């Protein structure tokens, strides 16, 4: 119903504009040209051009149609076509398949969303609808899973705006469920030694590069030799989780490990056939088992990188930059491992020469500060002369 009303309003407005004197469309021929040309004004701006038409009546119709299109753009009255969520989800998955590595996960997330409200038009979906979805869905799965699904819906709507299907994101303000902070697994120095003792040569190389660079496991396993710059001492990360290009500095340990590897494959870490490793979870956990330490996933290498930097007193901003984290909150979970930064901060003041000298002079005064303080009190308490 609202589409019909909108169309009527649009048509009435456009006819009103065309009826105005300034909206008159002029049709004329140029000397030596068989085509008819148009000329009209839109909000004080002169528009002219060729209709590519030989017939005057047809040329006038073309010119008036162009005039209507320009007026429609001026007042932003383009009617959005109706689109159910299921149709938007289909286009989103096509986009996801071409642009994201988590396409299979998006298929699952979008499937749950369309099951609940797939037939509903995207212009009619409100934040209240999403809250109802959350209320029902959280009875079936964890809140963190619902958060991933809502995030997927928000992404769909943002793309719908970009593609011209929506003017605004009606679900942008929907809040996520609060998720408990998980304890992360990292390797203390003694566990690093045990892990390296029982590792294969390939696992040892992956582990040493991982804990010395902080690369994500996907970045580590997809690493290729052209990304390694031995001359300038850095690794270029071209495709990351955050879609950001960054350069990771290499320390002497990383350089030494990479120089020992064979270059029979474009990939830095490859099997005997020269093919890259896609998953090392099972091999990583088996190595932990042989080492007699608690099981861990390969992501623990990234936690180990950040944890040891914080223990060594590196500031959180530098750790964030080195690891490619997008927010400081992601790094602050490692701060409990750092030395007391407040004590370190006030200790720096003690290094100022004049403060140190003043403290030494007080130590050598043998009680003079107290007598001086008594004199000061006596002077301050004396009556004011009249």
Protein backbone atom coordinates (compact mmCIF):
# COMPACT_ATOMS: atom_id res chain seq x y z
CA UNK A 1 0.00 0.00 0.00
CA UNK A 2 2.75 2.44 0.96
CA UNK A 3 4.51 1.76 -2.36
CA UNK A 4 1.42 2.88 -4.30
CA UNK A 5 1.08 6.02 -2.17
CA UNK A 6 4.76 6.81 -2.65
CA UNK A 7 4.43 6.37 -6.42
CA UNK A 8 1.41 8.70 -6.53
CA UNK A 9 3.22 11.37 -4.53
CA UNK A 10 6.25 11.04 -6.78
CA UNK A 11 4.23 11.33 -9.99
CA UNK A 12 2.28 14.35 -8.72
CA UNK A 13 5.48 16.09 -7.67
CA UNK A 14 7.20 15.44 -10.99
CA UNK A 15 4.22 16.62 -13.05
CA UNK A 16 4.10 19.75 -10.92
CA UNK A 17 7.77 20.40 -11.65
CA UNK A 18 7.36 19.81 -15.38
CA UNK A 19 4.35 22.14 -15.45
CA UNK A 20 6.47 24.97 -14.09
CA UNK A 21 7.83 27.44 -16.59
CA UNK A 22 11.47 26.69 -15.81
CA UNK A 23 10.87 22.98 -16.34
CA UNK A 24 9.83 23.40 -19.99
CA UNK A 25 11.78 21.05 -22.24
CA UNK A 26 13.13 22.67 -25.39
CA UNK A 27 13.56 20.53 -28.53
CA UNK A 28 15.64 21.75 -31.45
CA UNK A 29 17.91 20.70 -34.30
CA UNK A 30 21.49 21.75 -34.84
CA UNK A 31 22.76 22.80 -38.24
CA UNK A 32 24.06 19.81 -40.16
CA UNK A 33 22.77 17.18 -37.69
CA UNK A 34 19.79 14.87 -38.35
CA UNK A 35 19.15 14.38 -34.60
CA UNK A 36 16.94 16.36 -32.24
CA UNK A 37 18.53 17.97 -29.17
CA UNK A 38 17.02 18.92 -25.81
CA UNK A 39 17.54 21.77 -23.38
CA UNK A 40 15.92 22.32 -19.97
CA UNK A 41 16.64 23.68 -16.49
CA UNK A 42 16.73 21.75 -13.21
CA UNK A 43 16.99 23.93 -10.10
CA UNK A 44 18.77 26.67 -12.01
CA UNK A 45 21.20 24.36 -13.85
CA UNK A 46 20.98 24.16 -17.65
CA UNK A 47 20.95 20.59 -19.02
CA UNK A 48 21.35 19.93 -22.76
CA UNK A 49 22.32 17.12 -25.10
CA UNK A 50 21.35 14.91 -28.01
CA UNK A 51 18.35 12.55 -27.90
CA UNK A 52 19.82 10.45 -30.76
CA UNK A 53 16.28 10.49 -32.19
CA UNK A 54 15.23 11.49 -35.72
CA UNK A 55 11.54 11.92 -34.84
CA UNK A 56 10.56 15.09 -32.96
CA UNK A 57 7.76 13.46 -30.92
CA UNK A 58 10.04 10.63 -29.84
CA UNK A 59 12.80 13.13 -29.05
CA UNK A 60 10.44 15.10 -26.77
CA UNK A 61 9.45 11.92 -24.92
CA UNK A 62 13.12 11.00 -24.41
CA UNK A 63 13.94 14.49 -23.14
CA UNK A 64 10.99 14.56 -20.73
CA UNK A 65 11.93 11.10 -19.41
CA UNK A 66 15.47 12.33 -18.77
CA UNK A 67 14.06 15.39 -17.03
CA UNK A 68 11.91 13.19 -14.76
CA UNK A 69 14.91 11.00 -13.88
CA UNK A 70 16.97 14.03 -12.89
CA UNK A 71 14.15 15.45 -10.76
CA UNK A 72 13.67 12.08 -9.08
CA UNK A 73 17.36 11.99 -8.19
CA UNK A 74 17.19 15.54 -6.85
CA UNK A 75 14.41 14.80 -4.35
CA UNK A 76 15.60 11.24 -3.61
CA UNK A 77 12.20 9.68 -4.25
CA UNK A 78 13.38 6.48 -5.86
CA UNK A 79 11.11 3.67 -4.79
CA UNK A 80 13.03 0.76 -3.26
CA UNK A 81 11.90 -2.58 -4.58
CA UNK A 82 10.53 -5.05 -2.08
CA UNK A 83 12.99 -7.76 -1.08
CA UNK A 84 12.47 -10.59 1.41
CA UNK A 85 15.34 -11.42 3.76
CA UNK A 86 15.78 -14.78 2.05
CA UNK A 87 16.60 -13.05 -1.25
CA UNK A 88 19.06 -10.68 0.45
CA UNK A 89 20.67 -13.65 2.21
CA UNK A 90 21.18 -15.35 -1.16
CA UNK A 91 22.97 -12.29 -2.56
CA UNK A 92 24.97 -11.96 0.65
CA UNK A 93 26.20 -15.56 0.39
CA UNK A 94 27.25 -14.98 -3.23
CA UNK A 95 29.27 -12.00 -2.01
CA UNK A 96 30.64 -13.96 0.96
CA UNK A 97 31.82 -16.81 -1.26
CA UNK A 98 33.83 -14.37 -3.36
CA UNK A 99 35.24 -12.24 -0.54
CA UNK A 100 35.40 -14.22 2.72
CA UNK A 101 37.18 -17.31 3.94
CA UNK A 102 34.38 -17.94 6.44
CA UNK A 103 31.80 -18.54 3.70
CA UNK A 104 30.70 -21.94 5.06
CA UNK A 105 30.08 -20.42 8.46
CA UNK A 106 28.02 -17.62 6.87
CA UNK A 107 25.85 -20.26 5.18
CA UNK A 108 24.96 -21.71 8.59
CA UNK A 109 24.36 -18.30 10.19
CA UNK A 110 22.18 -17.05 7.33
CA UNK A 111 20.24 -20.32 7.39
CA UNK A 112 19.09 -19.77 10.98
CA UNK A 113 18.12 -16.16 10.24
CA UNK A 114 16.04 -17.02 7.17
CA UNK A 115 14.30 -19.88 8.98
CA UNK A 116 12.92 -17.38 11.50
CA UNK A 117 12.17 -14.34 9.28
CA UNK A 118 13.19 -15.24 5.72
CA UNK A 119 9.84 -14.31 4.15
CA UNK A 120 9.73 -10.88 5.77
CA UNK A 121 10.69 -7.84 3.67
CA UNK A 122 13.95 -6.26 4.77
CA UNK A 123 12.33 -2.79 4.97
CA UNK A 124 9.87 -4.17 7.53
CA UNK A 125 12.43 -5.88 9.79
CA UNK A 126 12.90 -3.81 12.94
CA UNK A 127 15.12 -4.07 15.99
CA UNK A 128 12.09 -5.46 17.85
CA UNK A 129 11.94 -8.37 15.39
CA UNK A 130 15.61 -9.11 16.06
CA UNK A 131 15.04 -8.96 19.83
CA UNK A 132 12.27 -11.54 19.42
CA UNK A 133 14.66 -13.68 17.40
CA UNK A 134 17.30 -13.40 20.14
CA UNK A 135 14.80 -14.33 22.85
CA UNK A 136 13.71 -17.47 21.00
CA UNK A 137 17.13 -18.50 19.73
CA UNK A 138 18.97 -18.19 23.06
CA UNK A 139 16.78 -21.00 24.41
CA UNK A 140 18.35 -23.32 21.82
CA UNK A 141 22.01 -22.22 21.67
CA UNK A 142 24.55 -20.17 23.60
CA UNK A 143 24.40 -16.38 23.66
CA UNK A 144 27.72 -16.21 21.83
CA UNK A 145 26.22 -18.17 18.91
CA UNK A 146 23.25 -15.79 18.77
CA UNK A 147 25.71 -12.88 18.74
CA UNK A 148 27.41 -14.29 15.63
CA UNK A 149 24.03 -14.62 13.90
CA UNK A 150 22.97 -11.07 14.78
CA UNK A 151 26.35 -9.77 13.58
CA UNK A 152 25.75 -11.59 10.29
CA UNK A 153 22.34 -9.89 9.94
CA UNK A 154 23.88 -6.47 10.60
CA UNK A 155 26.47 -7.16 7.92
CA UNK A 156 23.73 -8.11 5.45
CA UNK A 157 21.89 -4.85 6.10
CA UNK A 158 25.06 -2.77 5.72
CA UNK A 159 25.65 -4.39 2.35
CA UNK A 160 21.99 -3.81 1.42
CA UNK A 161 22.58 -0.08 1.97
CA UNK A 162 25.70 -0.24 -0.19
CA UNK A 163 23.80 -2.08 -2.93
CA UNK A 164 20.90 0.39 -2.87
CA UNK A 165 18.23 -1.84 -1.33
CA UNK A 166 17.98 0.11 1.95
CA UNK A 167 18.50 3.69 3.10
CA UNK A 168 19.44 2.82 6.69
CA UNK A 169 20.27 -0.13 8.92
CA UNK A 170 17.26 -0.66 11.19
CA UNK A 171 19.04 -3.34 13.26
CA UNK A 172 22.26 -1.42 13.82
CA UNK A 173 21.48 -0.64 17.46
CA UNK A 174 20.61 -4.20 18.53
CA UNK A 175 22.80 -5.13 21.50
CA UNK A 176 24.74 -8.38 21.77
CA UNK A 177 24.52 -10.77 24.69
CA UNK A 178 27.32 -10.31 27.20
CA UNK A 179 29.91 -13.04 26.73
CA UNK A 180 32.12 -14.30 29.57
CA UNK A 181 35.81 -13.69 29.03
CA UNK A 182 37.59 -16.96 28.34
CA UNK A 183 40.88 -17.93 29.92
CA UNK A 184 43.51 -18.10 27.22
CA UNK A 185 46.20 -20.75 26.96
CA UNK A 186 49.82 -19.71 26.60
CA UNK A 187 53.22 -21.39 27.00
CA UNK A 188 55.50 -20.40 29.90
CA UNK A 189 59.23 -20.73 29.24
CA UNK A 190 59.51 -24.24 30.71
CA UNK A 191 56.66 -25.50 28.50
CA UNK A 192 58.27 -23.95 25.42
CA UNK A 193 61.40 -26.01 26.13
CA UNK A 194 59.40 -29.23 26.57
CA UNK A 195 57.40 -28.60 23.39
CA UNK A 196 60.52 -27.98 21.30
CA UNK A 197 62.26 -31.10 22.64
CA UNK A 198 59.63 -33.45 21.18
CA UNK A 199 58.65 -31.46 18.05
CA UNK A 200 59.32 -32.57 14.50
CA UNK A 201 61.51 -30.25 12.43
CA UNK A 202 58.49 -28.76 10.61
CA UNK A 203 56.48 -28.26 13.80
CA UNK A 204 59.51 -26.71 15.50
CA UNK A 205 59.90 -24.19 12.66
CA UNK A 206 56.20 -23.27 12.72
CA UNK A 207 56.23 -22.95 16.52
CA UNK A 208 59.34 -20.75 16.67
CA UNK A 209 58.11 -18.40 13.94
CA UNK A 210 54.63 -18.30 15.50
CA UNK A 211 55.66 -17.32 19.03
CA UNK A 212 58.22 -14.80 17.76
CA UNK A 213 55.95 -12.97 15.30
CA UNK A 214 52.45 -13.34 16.74
CA UNK A 215 51.06 -14.26 13.31
CA UNK A 216 47.60 -15.81 13.30
CA UNK A 217 47.64 -19.49 12.36
CA UNK A 218 45.91 -18.71 9.04
CA UNK A 219 48.55 -16.06 8.27
CA UNK A 220 51.33 -18.44 9.28
CA UNK A 221 50.24 -21.42 7.18
CA UNK A 222 49.45 -19.30 4.10
CA UNK A 223 52.82 -17.50 4.26
CA UNK A 224 54.73 -17.43 0.95
CA UNK A 225 58.37 -16.65 0.28
CA UNK A 226 57.72 -13.38 -1.63
CA UNK A 227 56.18 -12.05 1.62
CA UNK A 228 59.48 -12.55 3.48
CA UNK A 229 61.95 -9.66 3.17
CA UNK A 230 65.29 -10.80 4.60
CA UNK A 231 67.04 -7.56 3.61
CA UNK A 232 64.74 -5.23 5.57
CA UNK A 233 63.80 -7.83 8.18
CA UNK A 234 60.03 -8.03 7.98
CA UNK A 235 57.14 -10.24 6.83
CA UNK A 236 54.31 -8.69 4.82
CA UNK A 237 50.83 -9.88 5.79
CA UNK A 238 48.61 -9.34 2.76
CA UNK A 239 45.44 -11.19 3.81
CA UNK A 240 44.44 -11.12 7.45
CA UNK A 241 41.38 -11.63 9.61
CA UNK A 242 40.89 -7.86 9.80
CA UNK A 243 41.53 -7.37 6.04
CA UNK A 244 44.44 -5.09 6.85
CA UNK A 245 47.84 -4.99 5.17
CA UNK A 246 50.66 -4.88 7.71
CA UNK A 247 54.37 -5.53 8.10
CA UNK A 248 55.65 -7.77 10.90
CA UNK A 249 59.23 -7.33 12.08
CA UNK A 250 61.45 -10.43 12.27
CA UNK A 251 63.88 -10.96 15.13
CA UNK A 252 67.14 -12.98 14.72
CA UNK A 253 65.39 -16.21 15.80
CA UNK A 254 62.80 -15.94 13.00
CA UNK A 255 65.42 -15.04 10.39
CA UNK A 256 67.61 -17.96 11.44
CA UNK A 257 64.71 -20.45 11.28
CA UNK A 258 63.48 -19.27 7.88
CA UNK A 259 66.98 -19.38 6.40
CA UNK A 260 67.24 -23.08 7.26
CA UNK A 261 64.03 -24.01 5.38
CA UNK A 262 64.10 -25.39 1.84
CA UNK A 263 62.41 -23.37 -0.89
CA UNK A 264 60.98 -26.12 -3.07
CA UNK A 265 57.48 -24.64 -2.77
CA UNK A 266 56.06 -21.10 -2.99
CA UNK A 267 54.76 -21.67 0.54
CA UNK A 268 57.14 -21.27 3.47
CA UNK A 269 55.60 -24.14 5.43
CA UNK A 270 54.90 -27.05 3.09
CA UNK A 271 54.84 -30.84 3.31
CA UNK A 272 57.18 -33.24 1.49
CA UNK A 273 55.10 -32.84 -1.69
CA UNK A 274 55.43 -29.06 -1.59
CA UNK A 275 51.79 -28.49 -0.66
CA UNK A 276 50.88 -26.04 2.14
CA UNK A 277 49.52 -27.16 5.49
CA UNK A 278 45.87 -26.23 5.99
CA UNK A 279 45.32 -27.51 9.52
CA UNK A 280 47.82 -28.52 12.19
CA UNK A 281 45.46 -28.78 15.18
CA UNK A 282 45.79 -32.53 15.61
CA UNK A 283 49.58 -32.55 15.19
CA UNK A 284 49.90 -29.60 17.59
CA UNK A 285 47.85 -31.30 20.31
CA UNK A 286 49.75 -34.57 19.85
CA UNK A 287 53.02 -32.68 20.34
CA UNK A 288 51.66 -31.21 23.58
CA UNK A 289 50.73 -34.71 24.71
CA UNK A 290 54.23 -36.08 23.99
CA UNK A 291 55.73 -33.11 25.85
CA UNK A 292 53.60 -33.89 28.91
CA UNK A 293 51.96 -30.46 29.01
CA UNK A 294 48.32 -29.34 28.92
CA UNK A 295 46.68 -29.56 25.47
CA UNK A 296 46.54 -26.39 23.39
CA UNK A 297 45.45 -25.22 19.97
CA UNK A 298 47.84 -23.51 17.52
CA UNK A 299 46.28 -20.17 18.48
CA UNK A 300 48.15 -20.50 21.79
CA UNK A 301 51.28 -19.41 19.90
CA UNK A 302 49.74 -15.97 19.40
CA UNK A 303 48.79 -15.78 23.09
CA UNK A 304 52.35 -16.80 23.98
CA UNK A 305 53.78 -14.03 21.80
CA UNK A 306 51.72 -11.33 23.55
CA UNK A 307 52.13 -12.81 27.04
CA UNK A 308 55.93 -12.85 26.96
CA UNK A 309 56.10 -9.33 25.50
CA UNK A 310 53.96 -8.06 28.37
CA UNK A 311 56.09 -9.95 30.91
CA UNK A 312 59.16 -8.24 29.46
CA UNK A 313 57.57 -4.83 30.07
CA UNK A 314 56.61 -3.91 26.49
CA UNK A 315 53.81 -1.33 26.51
CA UNK A 316 50.32 -2.47 25.36
CA UNK A 317 50.21 -0.08 22.38
CA UNK A 318 53.38 -1.59 20.92
CA UNK A 319 52.06 -5.12 21.52
CA UNK A 320 48.81 -4.17 19.75
CA UNK A 321 50.74 -2.83 16.76
CA UNK A 322 53.08 -5.83 16.54
CA UNK A 323 50.26 -8.37 16.74
CA UNK A 324 47.85 -6.57 14.44
CA UNK A 325 45.05 -6.27 17.00
CA UNK A 326 42.45 -3.64 16.13
CA UNK A 327 41.64 -2.53 19.68
CA UNK A 328 43.55 -2.09 22.90
CA UNK A 329 40.90 -4.12 24.75
CA UNK A 330 42.17 -7.26 23.02
CA UNK A 331 45.65 -6.64 24.43
CA UNK A 332 44.63 -5.57 27.94
CA UNK A 333 43.74 -9.17 28.86
CA UNK A 334 47.49 -9.86 28.98
CA UNK A 335 48.32 -7.00 31.36
CA UNK A 336 48.12 -9.14 34.51
CA UNK A 337 51.35 -10.78 33.33
CA UNK A 338 53.18 -7.45 33.04
CA UNK A 339 55.35 -5.93 35.77
CA UNK A 340 53.63 -3.32 37.93
CA UNK A 341 53.60 -0.45 35.42
CA UNK A 342 52.52 2.02 38.10
CA UNK A 343 55.61 1.27 40.19
CA UNK A 344 57.79 1.52 37.09
CA UNK A 345 56.22 4.89 36.26
CA UNK A 346 56.84 6.54 39.65
CA UNK A 347 60.35 5.03 39.80
CA UNK A 348 61.25 7.03 36.70
CA UNK A 349 60.72 10.25 38.68
CA UNK A 350 63.41 9.12 41.12
CA UNK A 351 65.89 9.34 38.27
CA UNK A 352 65.64 13.15 38.11
CA UNK A 353 68.97 14.45 39.43
CA UNK A 354 67.70 17.37 41.53
CA UNK A 355 65.17 15.13 43.29
CA UNK A 356 67.84 12.56 44.12
CA UNK A 357 70.16 15.26 45.49
CA UNK A 358 67.39 16.74 47.62
CA UNK A 359 66.60 13.33 49.10
CA UNK A 360 70.29 12.76 49.94
CA UNK A 361 70.59 16.15 51.64
CA UNK A 362 67.60 15.34 53.84
CA UNK A 363 69.18 12.03 54.84
CA UNK A 364 72.36 13.85 55.90
CA UNK A 365 70.61 16.63 57.85
CA UNK A 366 70.24 14.55 61.09
CA UNK A 367 66.94 15.89 62.29
CA UNK A 368 67.21 19.44 60.94
CA UNK A 369 63.98 19.13 58.95
CA UNK A 370 62.04 18.69 62.18
CA UNK A 371 63.55 21.83 63.84
CA UNK A 372 63.04 23.76 60.63
CA UNK A 373 59.44 22.64 60.59
CA UNK A 374 58.98 23.82 64.23
CA UNK A 375 60.39 27.26 63.34
CA UNK A 376 58.01 27.48 60.39
CA UNK A 377 55.03 26.63 62.60
CA UNK A 378 56.14 29.22 65.22
CA UNK A 379 56.49 31.96 62.64
CA UNK A 380 53.17 31.15 61.02
CA UNK A 381 51.40 31.13 64.40
CA UNK A 382 52.79 34.52 65.53
CA UNK A 383 50.21 37.34 65.89
CA UNK A 384 50.07 39.91 63.11
CA UNK A 385 51.57 43.29 64.13
CA UNK A 386 49.04 46.09 64.45
